[in-house]
Amino acid sequence: MVTEGKENESDLEKELEEFLKSEELDEYDKIPVERVKLSRGVKAVFWFLRIYIALMVVLVVIGFSHVI
């Protein structure tokens, strides 16, 4: 039972290595990642959502305090 798990792990590792070589990603941990630049409108929408969620949590707490 234990050997089956080890065999599956080694098969998965071999499969991953083959995939990385076929996609030419030998050094896949060194792929540069750029941060997305958000516009002012998008930032404003995210702040609105944060405020909205906080307000809803407060209203739910108030509602539950009246029920109890």
C-alpha atoms as a PDB file:
ATOM      1  CA  MET A   1       0.000   0.000   0.000  1.00  0.00           C
ATOM      2  CA  VAL A   2       2.816   2.391   0.909  1.00  0.00           C
ATOM      3  CA  THR A   3       4.815   1.496  -2.194  1.00  0.00           C
ATOM      4  CA  GLU A   4       1.847   2.407  -4.430  1.00  0.00           C
ATOM      5  CA  GLY A   5       1.862   5.939  -3.025  1.00  0.00           C
ATOM      6  CA  LYS A   6       5.588   6.297  -3.593  1.00  0.00           C
ATOM      7  CA  GLU A   7       5.250   4.964  -7.134  1.00  0.00           C
ATOM      8  CA  ASN A   8       2.445   7.438  -7.857  1.00  0.00           C
ATOM      9  CA  GLU A   9       4.553  10.298  -6.481  1.00  0.00           C
ATOM     10  CA  SER A  10       7.536   9.347  -8.624  1.00  0.00           C
ATOM     11  CA  ASP A  11       5.287   9.024 -11.693  1.00  0.00           C
ATOM     12  CA  LEU A  12       3.853  12.476 -11.006  1.00  0.00           C
ATOM     13  CA  GLU A  13       7.331  13.951 -10.570  1.00  0.00           C
ATOM     14  CA  LYS A  14       8.473  12.379 -13.858  1.00  0.00           C
ATOM     15  CA  GLU A  15       5.353  13.680 -15.594  1.00  0.00           C
ATOM     16  CA  LEU A  16       5.977  17.188 -14.224  1.00  0.00           C
ATOM     17  CA  GLU A  17       9.598  17.108 -15.389  1.00  0.00           C
ATOM     18  CA  GLU A  18       8.515  15.989 -18.875  1.00  0.00           C
ATOM     19  CA  PHE A  19       5.931  18.773 -19.029  1.00  0.00           C
ATOM     20  CA  LEU A  20       8.443  21.412 -17.945  1.00  0.00           C
ATOM     21  CA  LYS A  21      10.930  20.224 -20.556  1.00  0.00           C
ATOM     22  CA  SER A  22       8.297  20.103 -23.311  1.00  0.00           C
ATOM     23  CA  GLU A  23       7.201  23.665 -22.505  1.00  0.00           C
ATOM     24  CA  GLU A  24      10.828  24.801 -22.116  1.00  0.00           C
ATOM     25  CA  LEU A  25      10.262  25.777 -18.498  1.00  0.00           C
ATOM     26  CA  ASP A  26      13.376  24.188 -17.028  1.00  0.00           C
ATOM     27  CA  GLU A  27      13.758  27.121 -14.644  1.00  0.00           C
ATOM     28  CA  TYR A  28      10.067  27.759 -14.055  1.00  0.00           C
ATOM     29  CA  ASP A  29      10.684  29.405 -10.688  1.00  0.00           C
ATOM     30  CA  LYS A  30      12.609  32.219 -12.399  1.00  0.00           C
ATOM     31  CA  ILE A  31       9.801  33.416 -14.682  1.00  0.00           C
ATOM     32  CA  PRO A  32       9.422  37.177 -14.166  1.00  0.00           C
ATOM     33  CA  VAL A  33       6.047  38.235 -12.844  1.00  0.00           C
ATOM     34  CA  GLU A  34       4.858  41.797 -13.214  1.00  0.00           C
ATOM     35  CA  ARG A  35       2.417  43.455 -10.860  1.00  0.00           C
ATOM     36  CA  VAL A  36      -0.800  44.639 -12.443  1.00  0.00           C
ATOM     37  CA  LYS A  37      -1.336  48.382 -12.452  1.00  0.00           C
ATOM     38  CA  LEU A  38      -4.833  49.275 -11.274  1.00  0.00           C
ATOM     39  CA  SER A  39      -6.532  52.448 -12.439  1.00  0.00           C
ATOM     40  CA  ARG A  40      -8.111  54.914 -10.037  1.00  0.00           C
ATOM     41  CA  GLY A  41     -11.597  53.714 -10.927  1.00  0.00           C
ATOM     42  CA  VAL A  42     -10.765  50.099 -10.093  1.00  0.00           C
ATOM     43  CA  LYS A  43      -9.132  51.133  -6.812  1.00  0.00           C
ATOM     44  CA  ALA A  44     -12.236  53.164  -5.927  1.00  0.00           C
ATOM     45  CA  VAL A  45     -14.494  50.192  -6.644  1.00  0.00           C
ATOM     46  CA  PHE A  46     -12.395  47.925  -4.411  1.00  0.00           C
ATOM     47  CA  TRP A  47     -12.517  50.487  -1.568  1.00  0.00           C
ATOM     48  CA  PHE A  48     -16.286  50.765  -2.026  1.00  0.00           C
ATOM     49  CA  LEU A  49     -16.591  46.983  -1.790  1.00  0.00           C
ATOM     50  CA  ARG A  50     -14.508  46.907   1.397  1.00  0.00           C
ATOM     51  CA  ILE A  51     -16.671  49.584   3.000  1.00  0.00           C
ATOM     52  CA  TYR A  52     -19.842  47.831   1.823  1.00  0.00           C
ATOM     53  CA  ILE A  53     -18.735  44.488   3.271  1.00  0.00           C
ATOM     54  CA  ALA A  54     -17.782  46.095   6.589  1.00  0.00           C
ATOM     55  CA  LEU A  55     -21.160  47.860   6.739  1.00  0.00           C
ATOM     56  CA  MET A  56     -22.999  44.605   5.993  1.00  0.00           C
ATOM     57  CA  VAL A  57     -21.082  42.802   8.744  1.00  0.00           C
ATOM     58  CA  VAL A  58     -22.022  45.542  11.205  1.00  0.00           C
ATOM     59  CA  LEU A  59     -25.689  45.338  10.161  1.00  0.00           C
ATOM     60  CA  VAL A  60     -25.697  41.544  10.522  1.00  0.00           C
ATOM     61  CA  VAL A  61     -24.206  41.824  14.013  1.00  0.00           C
ATOM     62  CA  ILE A  62     -26.841  44.401  14.964  1.00  0.00           C
ATOM     63  CA  GLY A  63     -29.568  42.174  13.539  1.00  0.00           C
ATOM     64  CA  PHE A  64     -28.381  39.113  15.432  1.00  0.00           C
ATOM     65  CA  SER A  65     -28.080  41.106  18.651  1.00  0.00           C
ATOM     66  CA  HIS A  66     -31.788  41.945  18.410  1.00  0.00           C
ATOM     67  CA  VAL A  67     -32.741  38.306  17.820  1.00  0.00           C
ATOM     68  CA  ILE A  68     -30.794  37.025  20.818  1.00  0.00           C
END
